Amino acid sequence: MRLTVPMNMMEFFRKSEGKWYTERSVHHFDIVADESGESNLIVKVIEPNDPRVKEVCAIQGIDPTRATGGGSFSWQDNLEEKEPNPNYAAILIDIPDDQTGRSGKLIRNKGYVDGLPTISRYWFGEDGILTINTDYDNNQGQERCWFLTDDFRVRVSTVQMLNGVSLMAYCSERRCVSPESIKKMAQAHQN
């Protein structure tokens, strides 16, 4: 079966929904503790009528009727059984530039770098690669993400400070199989 790549943000959120096992390699250009490691990323789709759309748009003074929906993202240590810590979570709301949805703004309740509400610019290339640029007060971030299969994707990112690039990261992410899916597969093979 041929991979269908998402070409707008809501398609991207829907294709990303679920739990992902992430292996992360981080390279700092200054002396900082190594942040490489393994974690889980949990993505849930947010529909346009969800109250969180209005809340996040209100923070940035944006008309919520322009939003097509969004996604909630939370991170946890790999093999963690508890619910994710809300301090390691973010809500992203999609505000597309036009009907195609190939570019627009992502409104976040908190940024990845400084934890403050932020607005990012995004666009999808012809090849389906998503690029997200975020300007913070003292630095800029860029993240690129693409699917290699329906259940495997790659993310690369950089953070650039006023004095140059300070961080580069590479993440490979594999979709986790839910316990329900494992039971269904086991039952199908028993028959």
C-alpha atoms as a PDB file:
ATOM      1  CA  MET A   1       0.000   0.000   0.000  1.00  0.00           C
ATOM      2  CA  ARG A   2       1.376   3.408  -0.991  1.00  0.00           C
ATOM      3  CA  LEU A   3       1.957   6.034   1.697  1.00  0.00           C
ATOM      4  CA  THR A   4      -0.413   8.984   1.562  1.00  0.00           C
ATOM      5  CA  VAL A   5       1.351  11.998   3.020  1.00  0.00           C
ATOM      6  CA  PRO A   6      -0.628  14.678   4.841  1.00  0.00           C
ATOM      7  CA  MET A   7      -0.723  17.982   2.958  1.00  0.00           C
ATOM      8  CA  ASN A   8      -2.490  20.155   5.530  1.00  0.00           C
ATOM      9  CA  MET A   9      -2.260  20.475   9.290  1.00  0.00           C
ATOM     10  CA  MET A  10      -5.486  18.676  10.215  1.00  0.00           C
ATOM     11  CA  GLU A  11      -4.506  15.728   7.985  1.00  0.00           C
ATOM     12  CA  PHE A  12      -1.137  15.790   9.762  1.00  0.00           C
ATOM     13  CA  PHE A  13      -2.778  15.790  13.222  1.00  0.00           C
ATOM     14  CA  ARG A  14      -5.118  12.934  12.232  1.00  0.00           C
ATOM     15  CA  LYS A  15      -2.254  10.859  10.794  1.00  0.00           C
ATOM     16  CA  SER A  16      -0.221  11.564  13.963  1.00  0.00           C
ATOM     17  CA  GLU A  17      -2.966  10.655  16.439  1.00  0.00           C
ATOM     18  CA  GLY A  18      -1.901   7.966  18.884  1.00  0.00           C
ATOM     19  CA  LYS A  19       1.105   7.100  20.997  1.00  0.00           C
ATOM     20  CA  TRP A  20       4.589   7.261  19.495  1.00  0.00           C
ATOM     21  CA  TYR A  21       7.866   5.818  20.790  1.00  0.00           C
ATOM     22  CA  THR A  22      10.538   8.465  20.198  1.00  0.00           C
ATOM     23  CA  GLU A  23      14.292   7.973  20.046  1.00  0.00           C
ATOM     24  CA  ARG A  24      15.964  11.362  20.285  1.00  0.00           C
ATOM     25  CA  SER A  25      19.556  12.389  19.550  1.00  0.00           C
ATOM     26  CA  VAL A  26      20.415  15.922  20.645  1.00  0.00           C
ATOM     27  CA  HIS A  27      23.595  17.803  19.837  1.00  0.00           C
ATOM     28  CA  HIS A  28      24.328  20.987  21.811  1.00  0.00           C
ATOM     29  CA  PHE A  29      26.971  23.388  20.528  1.00  0.00           C
ATOM     30  CA  ASP A  30      27.614  24.652  24.032  1.00  0.00           C
ATOM     31  CA  ILE A  31      28.197  22.684  27.209  1.00  0.00           C
ATOM     32  CA  VAL A  32      24.804  21.423  28.361  1.00  0.00           C
ATOM     33  CA  ALA A  33      23.644  18.097  29.767  1.00  0.00           C
ATOM     34  CA  ASP A  34      22.855  15.523  27.079  1.00  0.00           C
ATOM     35  CA  GLU A  35      19.114  15.459  26.341  1.00  0.00           C
ATOM     36  CA  SER A  36      19.247  12.431  24.051  1.00  0.00           C
ATOM     37  CA  GLY A  37      17.004   9.574  25.065  1.00  0.00           C
ATOM     38  CA  GLU A  38      13.729   7.760  24.662  1.00  0.00           C
ATOM     39  CA  SER A  39      10.228   8.971  25.392  1.00  0.00           C
ATOM     40  CA  ASN A  40       6.612   8.620  24.391  1.00  0.00           C
ATOM     41  CA  LEU A  41       4.717  11.275  22.474  1.00  0.00           C
ATOM     42  CA  ILE A  42       0.920  11.163  22.771  1.00  0.00           C
ATOM     43  CA  VAL A  43      -1.076  13.027  20.122  1.00  0.00           C
ATOM     44  CA  LYS A  44      -4.832  13.610  20.206  1.00  0.00           C
ATOM     45  CA  VAL A  45      -6.896  15.476  17.606  1.00  0.00           C
ATOM     46  CA  ILE A  46      -8.853  18.523  18.744  1.00  0.00           C
ATOM     47  CA  GLU A  47     -11.998  19.250  16.746  1.00  0.00           C
ATOM     48  CA  PRO A  48     -12.934  22.879  15.902  1.00  0.00           C
ATOM     49  CA  ASN A  49     -15.815  22.936  18.425  1.00  0.00           C
ATOM     50  CA  ASP A  50     -13.576  21.877  21.340  1.00  0.00           C
ATOM     51  CA  PRO A  51     -13.505  24.618  24.045  1.00  0.00           C
ATOM     52  CA  ARG A  52      -9.690  24.540  24.035  1.00  0.00           C
ATOM     53  CA  VAL A  53      -9.749  26.108  20.541  1.00  0.00           C
ATOM     54  CA  LYS A  54     -11.417  29.259  21.916  1.00  0.00           C
ATOM     55  CA  GLU A  55      -9.156  29.311  24.978  1.00  0.00           C
ATOM     56  CA  VAL A  56      -5.907  29.166  23.009  1.00  0.00           C
ATOM     57  CA  CYS A  57      -7.131  31.618  20.339  1.00  0.00           C
ATOM     58  CA  ALA A  58      -8.205  34.063  23.076  1.00  0.00           C
ATOM     59  CA  ILE A  59      -4.670  34.050  24.538  1.00  0.00           C
ATOM     60  CA  GLN A  60      -3.345  35.297  21.163  1.00  0.00           C
ATOM     61  CA  GLY A  61      -6.329  37.517  20.267  1.00  0.00           C
ATOM     62  CA  ILE A  62      -7.252  35.418  17.222  1.00  0.00           C
ATOM     63  CA  ASP A  63     -10.791  34.819  15.975  1.00  0.00           C
ATOM     64  CA  PRO A  64     -11.514  31.139  16.813  1.00  0.00           C
ATOM     65  CA  THR A  65     -13.797  30.772  13.760  1.00  0.00           C
ATOM     66  CA  ARG A  66     -10.610  30.821  11.628  1.00  0.00           C
ATOM     67  CA  ALA A  67      -9.372  27.640  13.362  1.00  0.00           C
ATOM     68  CA  THR A  68      -9.823  24.253  11.709  1.00  0.00           C
ATOM     69  CA  GLY A  69      -9.055  22.360  14.921  1.00  0.00           C
ATOM     70  CA  GLY A  70      -5.792  21.282  16.438  1.00  0.00           C
ATOM     71  CA  GLY A  71      -3.889  18.720  18.410  1.00  0.00           C
ATOM     72  CA  SER A  72      -2.873  18.075  21.990  1.00  0.00           C
ATOM     73  CA  PHE A  73       0.670  16.820  22.510  1.00  0.00           C
ATOM     74  CA  SER A  74       2.023  15.314  25.706  1.00  0.00           C
ATOM     75  CA  TRP A  75       5.342  13.670  26.511  1.00  0.00           C
ATOM     76  CA  GLN A  76       6.293  11.067  29.076  1.00  0.00           C
ATOM     77  CA  ASP A  77       9.218   8.817  29.877  1.00  0.00           C
ATOM     78  CA  ASN A  78       9.254   5.625  27.870  1.00  0.00           C
ATOM     79  CA  LEU A  79       7.457   2.743  29.633  1.00  0.00           C
ATOM     80  CA  GLU A  80       5.762   5.211  32.008  1.00  0.00           C
ATOM     81  CA  GLU A  81       2.428   3.816  33.196  1.00  0.00           C
ATOM     82  CA  LYS A  82       0.998   6.986  34.789  1.00  0.00           C
ATOM     83  CA  GLU A  83      -0.885   9.697  32.941  1.00  0.00           C
ATOM     84  CA  PRO A  84       1.496  12.240  31.345  1.00  0.00           C
ATOM     85  CA  ASN A  85       2.551  15.216  33.459  1.00  0.00           C
ATOM     86  CA  PRO A  86       0.551  18.272  32.288  1.00  0.00           C
ATOM     87  CA  ASN A  87       3.751  20.333  32.534  1.00  0.00           C
ATOM     88  CA  TYR A  88       4.985  18.313  29.552  1.00  0.00           C
ATOM     89  CA  ALA A  89       2.035  19.022  27.285  1.00  0.00           C
ATOM     90  CA  ALA A  90       0.961  21.594  24.714  1.00  0.00           C
ATOM     91  CA  ILE A  91      -2.131  22.479  22.709  1.00  0.00           C
ATOM     92  CA  LEU A  92      -1.608  23.505  19.069  1.00  0.00           C
ATOM     93  CA  ILE A  93      -4.420  25.154  17.105  1.00  0.00           C
ATOM     94  CA  ASP A  94      -4.375  25.370  13.292  1.00  0.00           C
ATOM     95  CA  ILE A  95      -5.104  28.724  11.620  1.00  0.00           C
ATOM     96  CA  PRO A  96      -4.608  28.049   7.881  1.00  0.00           C
ATOM     97  CA  ASP A  97      -3.762  30.844   5.422  1.00  0.00           C
ATOM     98  CA  ASP A  98      -6.355  29.685   2.887  1.00  0.00           C
ATOM     99  CA  GLN A  99      -8.673  26.819   1.888  1.00  0.00           C
ATOM    100  CA  THR A 100      -5.800  24.527   0.865  1.00  0.00           C
ATOM    101  CA  GLY A 101      -4.417  24.480   4.410  1.00  0.00           C
ATOM    102  CA  ARG A 102      -0.885  24.009   3.014  1.00  0.00           C
ATOM    103  CA  SER A 103       0.428  26.909   5.122  1.00  0.00           C
ATOM    104  CA  GLY A 104      -0.659  28.914   8.119  1.00  0.00           C
ATOM    105  CA  LYS A 105      -0.128  29.589  11.785  1.00  0.00           C
ATOM    106  CA  LEU A 106       0.054  27.191  14.703  1.00  0.00           C
ATOM    107  CA  ILE A 107      -1.159  28.833  17.886  1.00  0.00           C
ATOM    108  CA  ARG A 108       0.338  27.162  20.967  1.00  0.00           C
ATOM    109  CA  ASN A 109      -0.720  27.572  24.558  1.00  0.00           C
ATOM    110  CA  LYS A 110       2.979  27.210  25.418  1.00  0.00           C
ATOM    111  CA  GLY A 111       6.152  27.053  23.396  1.00  0.00           C
ATOM    112  CA  TYR A 112       8.631  24.191  23.546  1.00  0.00           C
ATOM    113  CA  VAL A 113      11.621  26.368  24.377  1.00  0.00           C
ATOM    114  CA  ASP A 114      10.357  28.923  26.892  1.00  0.00           C
ATOM    115  CA  GLY A 115       6.943  27.591  27.971  1.00  0.00           C
ATOM    116  CA  LEU A 116       5.138  30.810  26.949  1.00  0.00           C
ATOM    117  CA  PRO A 117       2.209  31.064  24.488  1.00  0.00           C
ATOM    118  CA  THR A 118       3.580  31.363  20.973  1.00  0.00           C
ATOM    119  CA  ILE A 119       2.643  31.532  17.306  1.00  0.00           C
ATOM    120  CA  SER A 120       4.539  29.491  14.713  1.00  0.00           C
ATOM    121  CA  ARG A 121       4.427  29.588  10.914  1.00  0.00           C
ATOM    122  CA  TYR A 122       4.100  26.280   9.036  1.00  0.00           C
ATOM    123  CA  TRP A 123       3.994  25.029   5.476  1.00  0.00           C
ATOM    124  CA  PHE A 124       3.900  21.718   3.651  1.00  0.00           C
ATOM    125  CA  GLY A 125       6.283  21.107   0.759  1.00  0.00           C
ATOM    126  CA  GLU A 126       5.244  19.270  -2.396  1.00  0.00           C
ATOM    127  CA  ASP A 127       6.924  16.194  -0.902  1.00  0.00           C
ATOM    128  CA  GLY A 128       4.737  16.345   2.234  1.00  0.00           C
ATOM    129  CA  ILE A 129       7.496  17.572   4.547  1.00  0.00           C
ATOM    130  CA  LEU A 130       6.069  19.825   7.237  1.00  0.00           C
ATOM    131  CA  THR A 131       8.249  22.795   8.250  1.00  0.00           C
ATOM    132  CA  ILE A 132       7.451  24.828  11.374  1.00  0.00           C
ATOM    133  CA  ASN A 133       9.295  28.062  12.203  1.00  0.00           C
ATOM    134  CA  THR A 134       8.963  29.678  15.628  1.00  0.00           C
ATOM    135  CA  ASP A 135      10.413  32.997  16.728  1.00  0.00           C
ATOM    136  CA  TYR A 136      10.957  33.365  20.469  1.00  0.00           C
ATOM    137  CA  ASP A 137      12.262  36.432  22.294  1.00  0.00           C
ATOM    138  CA  ASN A 138      15.905  35.374  22.200  1.00  0.00           C
ATOM    139  CA  ASN A 139      16.029  32.539  19.681  1.00  0.00           C
ATOM    140  CA  GLN A 140      14.436  30.874  16.669  1.00  0.00           C
ATOM    141  CA  GLY A 141      13.383  27.283  16.263  1.00  0.00           C
ATOM    142  CA  GLN A 142      12.741  25.242  13.155  1.00  0.00           C
ATOM    143  CA  GLU A 143      11.267  21.757  13.080  1.00  0.00           C
ATOM    144  CA  ARG A 144      10.735  19.556  10.040  1.00  0.00           C
ATOM    145  CA  CYS A 145       8.667  16.378  10.163  1.00  0.00           C
ATOM    146  CA  TRP A 146       7.702  13.751   7.611  1.00  0.00           C
ATOM    147  CA  PHE A 147       6.225  10.267   7.440  1.00  0.00           C
ATOM    148  CA  LEU A 148       8.249   7.405   5.983  1.00  0.00           C
ATOM    149  CA  THR A 149       5.350   4.977   6.514  1.00  0.00           C
ATOM    150  CA  ASP A 150       1.974   5.345   8.228  1.00  0.00           C
ATOM    151  CA  ASP A 151       3.595   4.161  11.457  1.00  0.00           C
ATOM    152  CA  PHE A 152       7.084   5.683  11.257  1.00  0.00           C
ATOM    153  CA  ARG A 153       8.046   9.332  11.025  1.00  0.00           C
ATOM    154  CA  VAL A 154      11.123  11.515  11.409  1.00  0.00           C
ATOM    155  CA  ARG A 155      11.582  14.927  13.025  1.00  0.00           C
ATOM    156  CA  VAL A 156      14.628  17.180  12.866  1.00  0.00           C
ATOM    157  CA  SER A 157      14.939  20.494  14.645  1.00  0.00           C
ATOM    158  CA  THR A 158      17.326  23.320  15.329  1.00  0.00           C
ATOM    159  CA  VAL A 159      17.334  26.134  17.858  1.00  0.00           C
ATOM    160  CA  GLN A 160      19.319  29.202  16.882  1.00  0.00           C
ATOM    161  CA  MET A 161      20.323  31.807  19.444  1.00  0.00           C
ATOM    162  CA  LEU A 162      21.468  35.330  18.613  1.00  0.00           C
ATOM    163  CA  ASN A 163      25.056  34.055  18.437  1.00  0.00           C
ATOM    164  CA  GLY A 164      24.310  31.091  16.145  1.00  0.00           C
ATOM    165  CA  VAL A 165      22.872  27.562  16.186  1.00  0.00           C
ATOM    166  CA  SER A 166      22.965  26.123  19.691  1.00  0.00           C
ATOM    167  CA  LEU A 167      21.068  22.856  19.327  1.00  0.00           C
ATOM    168  CA  MET A 168      20.224  20.260  16.691  1.00  0.00           C
ATOM    169  CA  ALA A 169      17.995  17.250  17.302  1.00  0.00           C
ATOM    170  CA  TYR A 170      16.965  14.184  15.334  1.00  0.00           C
ATOM    171  CA  CYS A 171      13.993  12.056  16.368  1.00  0.00           C
ATOM    172  CA  SER A 172      12.761   8.818  14.881  1.00  0.00           C
ATOM    173  CA  GLU A 173       9.225   7.986  15.962  1.00  0.00           C
ATOM    174  CA  ARG A 174       7.442   4.655  15.723  1.00  0.00           C
ATOM    175  CA  ARG A 175       3.719   4.331  16.403  1.00  0.00           C
ATOM    176  CA  CYS A 176       2.991   2.173  19.442  1.00  0.00           C
ATOM    177  CA  VAL A 177       0.523  -0.648  19.033  1.00  0.00           C
ATOM    178  CA  SER A 178      -2.338  -0.354  21.520  1.00  0.00           C
ATOM    179  CA  PRO A 179      -3.206  -3.291  23.823  1.00  0.00           C
ATOM    180  CA  GLU A 180      -6.601  -3.491  22.065  1.00  0.00           C
ATOM    181  CA  SER A 181      -4.918  -3.875  18.672  1.00  0.00           C
ATOM    182  CA  ILE A 182      -2.628  -6.601  20.018  1.00  0.00           C
ATOM    183  CA  LYS A 183      -5.676  -8.524  21.330  1.00  0.00           C
ATOM    184  CA  LYS A 184      -7.407  -8.210  17.952  1.00  0.00           C
ATOM    185  CA  MET A 185      -4.303  -9.432  16.111  1.00  0.00           C
ATOM    186  CA  ALA A 186      -3.955 -12.376  18.510  1.00  0.00           C
ATOM    187  CA  GLN A 187      -7.616 -13.317  18.061  1.00  0.00           C
ATOM    188  CA  ALA A 188      -7.316 -13.074  14.275  1.00  0.00           C
ATOM    189  CA  HIS A 189      -4.345 -15.453  14.280  1.00  0.00           C
ATOM    190  CA  GLN A 190      -6.095 -17.970  16.531  1.00  0.00           C
ATOM    191  CA  ASN A 191      -8.915 -18.442  14.013  1.00  0.00           C
END
